[in-house]
Every structure is written in C-alpha cells, then in structure tokens.
Amino acid sequence: MDMKQMVKQAQQFQQRLTEMQGELAGKQVSASVGGGMVSATVNGRHELVSLIIDKEVVDPADTQMLQDLVVSAVNEAMRKAQAMIEAEMAKITGGIKIPGMF
C-alpha cells in the first residue's frame, strides 16, 4: 500500500469518526436503580441529560441513601453509554480496539 492510499484511508476514517461522534451526541441511554426510584439518562458524549428522582425516595433524615442511588444511576448510565460508544466504534474499526479511542 502506498503512502497516498494510506493517507486517503486515514482521512476517510477520520471523516467516519467525526460523523459517528455527531450521531452519538444525539443518542441516549438510561439506567434506573432502587426499583426505578432514581433514573439517569446520558448521551453519547457522556453528558448527563436527565436525572429523575421519585419523591418517595427523598427523606431528609437519610440523604446518604439518595446520594448513593444518584451515584449508582449515573454510573450505570455512563457504563451503558460507553458500551454504546464501543459498539458504534466496532462498526467503524471492524472490531479492532484502538487504544485511546473513546
């Protein structure tokens, strides 16, 4: 493979990667914990876009439980977002994991 062809392939890969990043920004994943008492939604940019807390879980005498539920919901949503990103990346890379990519 000559250098021109390699550069062309690299440019095509970069273009597909940029397109995918734009698409992922519009995709969202959600996770619920505590039997649905706390739900978090994250987009493909790992941004928290929604946090829903059931009023029944809000107990001023036990804020630690609410904090733990929020952390758990957000972390699970982030894990789901990462899995979604990895699945989309596999489509572009043919399943090859490239270190440092997402």
N, C-alpha and C. Protein backbone atom coordinates (compact mmCIF):
# COMPACT_ATOMS: atom_id res chain seq x y z
N MET A 1 0.86 -1.18 0.00
CA MET A 1 0.00 0.00 0.00
C MET A 1 0.91 1.24 0.00
N ASP A 2 0.66 2.14 -0.92
CA ASP A 2 1.49 3.33 -0.98
C ASP A 2 1.00 4.40 0.00
N MET A 3 1.81 5.40 0.18
CA MET A 3 1.55 6.44 1.17
C MET A 3 0.28 7.22 0.86
N LYS A 4 0.02 7.51 -0.42
CA LYS A 4 -1.19 8.26 -0.79
C LYS A 4 -2.45 7.50 -0.38
N GLN A 5 -2.43 6.20 -0.61
CA GLN A 5 -3.58 5.39 -0.28
C GLN A 5 -3.78 5.33 1.25
N MET A 6 -2.68 5.24 1.98
CA MET A 6 -2.77 5.23 3.44
C MET A 6 -3.35 6.54 3.97
N VAL A 7 -2.90 7.64 3.42
CA VAL A 7 -3.39 8.95 3.84
C VAL A 7 -4.89 9.07 3.51
N LYS A 8 -5.27 8.60 2.34
CA LYS A 8 -6.68 8.66 1.94
C LYS A 8 -7.54 7.84 2.89
N GLN A 9 -7.08 6.63 3.24
CA GLN A 9 -7.83 5.80 4.18
C GLN A 9 -7.92 6.45 5.55
N ALA A 10 -6.85 7.08 5.99
CA ALA A 10 -6.85 7.77 7.28
C ALA A 10 -7.85 8.92 7.27
N GLN A 11 -7.92 9.64 6.17
CA GLN A 11 -8.87 10.74 6.06
C GLN A 11 -10.31 10.23 6.06
N GLN A 12 -10.56 9.12 5.38
CA GLN A 12 -11.89 8.53 5.37
C GLN A 12 -12.28 8.06 6.77
N PHE A 13 -11.34 7.46 7.47
CA PHE A 13 -11.60 7.01 8.83
C PHE A 13 -11.93 8.20 9.72
N GLN A 14 -11.17 9.28 9.60
CA GLN A 14 -11.41 10.48 10.39
C GLN A 14 -12.79 11.06 10.10
N GLN A 15 -13.19 11.05 8.84
CA GLN A 15 -14.50 11.57 8.47
C GLN A 15 -15.60 10.71 9.09
N ARG A 16 -15.46 9.39 9.00
CA ARG A 16 -16.46 8.50 9.59
C ARG A 16 -16.51 8.66 11.11
N LEU A 17 -15.36 8.86 11.72
CA LEU A 17 -15.29 9.06 13.16
C LEU A 17 -16.01 10.35 13.56
N THR A 18 -15.80 11.41 12.82
CA THR A 18 -16.47 12.69 13.10
C THR A 18 -17.98 12.55 12.94
N GLU A 19 -18.41 11.86 11.90
CA GLU A 19 -19.85 11.64 11.69
C GLU A 19 -20.44 10.84 12.84
N MET A 20 -19.71 9.81 13.27
CA MET A 20 -20.20 8.97 14.36
C MET A 20 -20.32 9.76 15.66
N GLN A 21 -19.35 10.62 15.93
CA GLN A 21 -19.41 11.44 17.14
C GLN A 21 -20.65 12.31 17.14
N GLY A 22 -20.99 12.87 16.00
CA GLY A 22 -22.21 13.68 15.89
C GLY A 22 -23.46 12.85 16.12
N GLU A 23 -23.47 11.64 15.58
CA GLU A 23 -24.62 10.75 15.78
C GLU A 23 -24.75 10.34 17.24
N LEU A 24 -23.61 10.03 17.87
CA LEU A 24 -23.64 9.60 19.27
C LEU A 24 -24.14 10.71 20.20
N ALA A 25 -23.87 11.94 19.84
CA ALA A 25 -24.34 13.06 20.68
C ALA A 25 -25.85 13.07 20.77
N GLY A 26 -26.51 12.56 19.74
CA GLY A 26 -27.96 12.54 19.72
C GLY A 26 -28.57 11.28 20.32
N LYS A 27 -27.74 10.29 20.61
CA LYS A 27 -28.24 9.05 21.20
C LYS A 27 -28.17 9.13 22.71
N GLN A 28 -29.13 8.48 23.35
CA GLN A 28 -29.19 8.50 24.81
C GLN A 28 -29.42 7.10 25.35
N VAL A 29 -28.89 6.86 26.54
CA VAL A 29 -29.14 5.61 27.26
C VAL A 29 -29.55 5.99 28.68
N SER A 30 -30.38 5.15 29.27
CA SER A 30 -30.87 5.42 30.63
C SER A 30 -30.62 4.22 31.53
N ALA A 31 -30.55 4.52 32.81
CA ALA A 31 -30.41 3.47 33.82
C ALA A 31 -31.23 3.88 35.03
N SER A 32 -31.87 2.88 35.64
CA SER A 32 -32.67 3.11 36.85
C SER A 32 -32.14 2.23 37.96
N VAL A 33 -32.20 2.74 39.18
CA VAL A 33 -31.79 1.97 40.36
C VAL A 33 -32.85 2.14 41.44
N GLY A 34 -32.73 1.32 42.46
CA GLY A 34 -33.68 1.43 43.57
C GLY A 34 -35.10 1.12 43.14
N GLY A 35 -35.25 0.15 42.26
CA GLY A 35 -36.59 -0.18 41.80
C GLY A 35 -37.23 0.93 40.99
N GLY A 36 -36.40 1.72 40.30
CA GLY A 36 -36.92 2.81 39.48
C GLY A 36 -37.06 4.13 40.22
N MET A 37 -36.59 4.16 41.46
CA MET A 37 -36.72 5.40 42.25
C MET A 37 -35.83 6.52 41.72
N VAL A 38 -34.69 6.16 41.13
CA VAL A 38 -33.78 7.16 40.55
C VAL A 38 -33.39 6.68 39.16
N SER A 39 -33.55 7.56 38.19
CA SER A 39 -33.20 7.25 36.80
C SER A 39 -32.29 8.34 36.24
N ALA A 40 -31.26 7.90 35.53
CA ALA A 40 -30.33 8.84 34.91
C ALA A 40 -30.27 8.55 33.42
N THR A 41 -30.18 9.62 32.63
CA THR A 41 -30.05 9.49 31.18
C THR A 41 -28.79 10.23 30.75
N VAL A 42 -27.98 9.54 29.94
CA VAL A 42 -26.70 10.07 29.49
C VAL A 42 -26.66 9.98 27.97
N ASN A 43 -26.02 10.96 27.33
CA ASN A 43 -25.89 10.89 25.87
C ASN A 43 -24.55 10.28 25.47
N GLY A 44 -24.32 10.17 24.19
CA GLY A 44 -23.10 9.57 23.67
C GLY A 44 -21.86 10.40 23.87
N ARG A 45 -22.01 11.55 24.45
CA ARG A 45 -20.84 12.38 24.81
C ARG A 45 -20.54 12.28 26.30
N HIS A 46 -21.17 11.33 26.95
CA HIS A 46 -21.03 11.13 28.40
C HIS A 46 -21.51 12.35 29.18
N GLU A 47 -22.56 12.99 28.68
CA GLU A 47 -23.16 14.12 29.39
C GLU A 47 -24.46 13.66 30.03
N LEU A 48 -24.63 13.98 31.29
CA LEU A 48 -25.88 13.68 31.98
C LEU A 48 -26.94 14.63 31.45
N VAL A 49 -27.99 14.09 30.84
CA VAL A 49 -29.02 14.94 30.24
C VAL A 49 -30.31 14.93 31.05
N SER A 50 -30.46 13.93 31.94
CA SER A 50 -31.67 13.88 32.74
C SER A 50 -31.41 13.07 34.00
N LEU A 51 -32.00 13.55 35.09
CA LEU A 51 -31.95 12.83 36.36
C LEU A 51 -33.34 12.94 36.98
N ILE A 52 -33.97 11.79 37.16
CA ILE A 52 -35.32 11.77 37.72
C ILE A 52 -35.28 11.08 39.07
N ILE A 53 -35.80 11.77 40.08
CA ILE A 53 -35.81 11.23 41.44
C ILE A 53 -37.25 11.16 41.91
N ASP A 54 -37.71 9.97 42.25
CA ASP A 54 -39.06 9.78 42.75
C ASP A 54 -39.16 10.45 44.12
N LYS A 55 -40.22 11.18 44.34
CA LYS A 55 -40.37 11.93 45.60
C LYS A 55 -40.39 11.02 46.82
N GLU A 56 -40.75 9.76 46.63
CA GLU A 56 -40.79 8.83 47.76
C GLU A 56 -39.41 8.51 48.32
N VAL A 57 -38.38 8.68 47.52
CA VAL A 57 -37.03 8.37 47.96
C VAL A 57 -36.36 9.56 48.66
N VAL A 58 -37.00 10.72 48.62
CA VAL A 58 -36.45 11.91 49.26
C VAL A 58 -36.83 11.90 50.73
N ASP A 59 -35.84 11.58 51.57
CA ASP A 59 -36.03 11.52 53.01
C ASP A 59 -34.95 12.39 53.65
N PRO A 60 -35.32 13.55 54.17
CA PRO A 60 -34.32 14.43 54.78
C PRO A 60 -33.50 13.76 55.87
N ALA A 61 -34.04 12.72 56.47
CA ALA A 61 -33.31 12.02 57.54
C ALA A 61 -32.31 11.01 56.97
N ASP A 62 -32.39 10.72 55.68
CA ASP A 62 -31.49 9.73 55.08
C ASP A 62 -31.01 10.21 53.71
N THR A 63 -30.27 11.30 53.70
CA THR A 63 -29.76 11.82 52.43
C THR A 63 -28.69 10.92 51.84
N GLN A 64 -28.01 10.16 52.68
CA GLN A 64 -26.96 9.27 52.18
C GLN A 64 -27.51 8.24 51.20
N MET A 65 -28.68 7.70 51.49
CA MET A 65 -29.29 6.72 50.59
C MET A 65 -29.59 7.36 49.23
N LEU A 66 -30.14 8.56 49.24
CA LEU A 66 -30.45 9.25 47.99
C LEU A 66 -29.17 9.52 47.20
N GLN A 67 -28.15 9.96 47.90
CA GLN A 67 -26.87 10.22 47.23
C GLN A 67 -26.32 8.95 46.59
N ASP A 68 -26.39 7.84 47.31
CA ASP A 68 -25.90 6.57 46.78
C ASP A 68 -26.70 6.14 45.55
N LEU A 69 -28.01 6.33 45.59
CA LEU A 69 -28.85 5.97 44.45
C LEU A 69 -28.52 6.83 43.22
N VAL A 70 -28.31 8.13 43.44
CA VAL A 70 -27.98 9.02 42.33
C VAL A 70 -26.64 8.60 41.71
N VAL A 71 -25.65 8.36 42.54
CA VAL A 71 -24.34 7.95 42.04
C VAL A 71 -24.45 6.63 41.27
N SER A 72 -25.19 5.68 41.81
CA SER A 72 -25.36 4.39 41.14
C SER A 72 -26.05 4.54 39.79
N ALA A 73 -27.10 5.33 39.74
CA ALA A 73 -27.84 5.52 38.49
C ALA A 73 -26.97 6.19 37.43
N VAL A 74 -26.25 7.22 37.83
CA VAL A 74 -25.39 7.94 36.87
C VAL A 74 -24.26 7.03 36.39
N ASN A 75 -23.63 6.30 37.30
CA ASN A 75 -22.55 5.41 36.91
C ASN A 75 -23.04 4.31 35.96
N GLU A 76 -24.20 3.76 36.22
CA GLU A 76 -24.73 2.71 35.34
C GLU A 76 -25.07 3.29 33.97
N ALA A 77 -25.63 4.48 33.93
CA ALA A 77 -25.92 5.12 32.65
C ALA A 77 -24.62 5.40 31.88
N MET A 78 -23.58 5.80 32.59
CA MET A 78 -22.28 6.05 31.94
C MET A 78 -21.71 4.75 31.37
N ARG A 79 -21.85 3.65 32.11
CA ARG A 79 -21.37 2.35 31.60
C ARG A 79 -22.13 1.97 30.33
N LYS A 80 -23.43 2.20 30.34
CA LYS A 80 -24.24 1.89 29.15
C LYS A 80 -23.82 2.77 27.97
N ALA A 81 -23.54 4.04 28.25
CA ALA A 81 -23.10 4.95 27.18
C ALA A 81 -21.77 4.47 26.61
N GLN A 82 -20.86 4.04 27.46
CA GLN A 82 -19.57 3.56 27.00
C GLN A 82 -19.74 2.31 26.14
N ALA A 83 -20.62 1.42 26.55
CA ALA A 83 -20.88 0.21 25.76
C ALA A 83 -21.46 0.58 24.39
N MET A 84 -22.35 1.57 24.37
CA MET A 84 -22.94 2.02 23.12
C MET A 84 -21.85 2.60 22.21
N ILE A 85 -20.97 3.39 22.77
CA ILE A 85 -19.89 4.00 22.00
C ILE A 85 -18.97 2.93 21.45
N GLU A 86 -18.62 1.95 22.27
CA GLU A 86 -17.74 0.88 21.82
C GLU A 86 -18.38 0.07 20.69
N ALA A 87 -19.68 -0.15 20.79
CA ALA A 87 -20.38 -0.88 19.73
C ALA A 87 -20.36 -0.10 18.42
N GLU A 88 -20.54 1.20 18.50
CA GLU A 88 -20.51 2.04 17.29
C GLU A 88 -19.09 2.10 16.73
N MET A 89 -18.10 2.18 17.60
CA MET A 89 -16.70 2.21 17.14
C MET A 89 -16.34 0.91 16.44
N ALA A 90 -16.86 -0.22 16.95
CA ALA A 90 -16.57 -1.51 16.34
C ALA A 90 -17.06 -1.56 14.90
N LYS A 91 -18.14 -0.85 14.62
CA LYS A 91 -18.65 -0.80 13.25
C LYS A 91 -17.66 -0.12 12.31
N ILE A 92 -16.96 0.89 12.83
CA ILE A 92 -16.01 1.64 12.00
C ILE A 92 -14.68 0.91 11.91
N THR A 93 -14.23 0.34 13.02
CA THR A 93 -12.90 -0.26 13.06
C THR A 93 -12.90 -1.74 12.72
N GLY A 94 -14.08 -2.29 12.47
CA GLY A 94 -14.16 -3.71 12.18
C GLY A 94 -13.89 -4.56 13.40
N GLY A 95 -14.15 -4.01 14.58
CA GLY A 95 -13.97 -4.74 15.82
C GLY A 95 -12.60 -4.61 16.45
N ILE A 96 -11.69 -3.93 15.76
CA ILE A 96 -10.34 -3.73 16.30
C ILE A 96 -10.41 -2.60 17.32
N LYS A 97 -9.91 -2.86 18.52
CA LYS A 97 -9.89 -1.84 19.56
C LYS A 97 -8.62 -1.00 19.40
N ILE A 98 -8.84 0.29 19.24
CA ILE A 98 -7.73 1.21 19.08
C ILE A 98 -7.54 1.95 20.40
N PRO A 99 -6.39 1.76 21.05
CA PRO A 99 -6.15 2.44 22.32
C PRO A 99 -6.31 3.95 22.21
N GLY A 100 -6.95 4.53 23.20
CA GLY A 100 -7.13 5.98 23.23
C GLY A 100 -8.36 6.49 22.49
N MET A 101 -9.06 5.59 21.80
CA MET A 101 -10.26 5.99 21.09
C MET A 101 -11.44 5.84 22.04
N PHE A 102 -12.01 6.92 22.47
CA PHE A 102 -13.13 6.94 23.38
C PHE A 102 -12.80 6.19 24.65
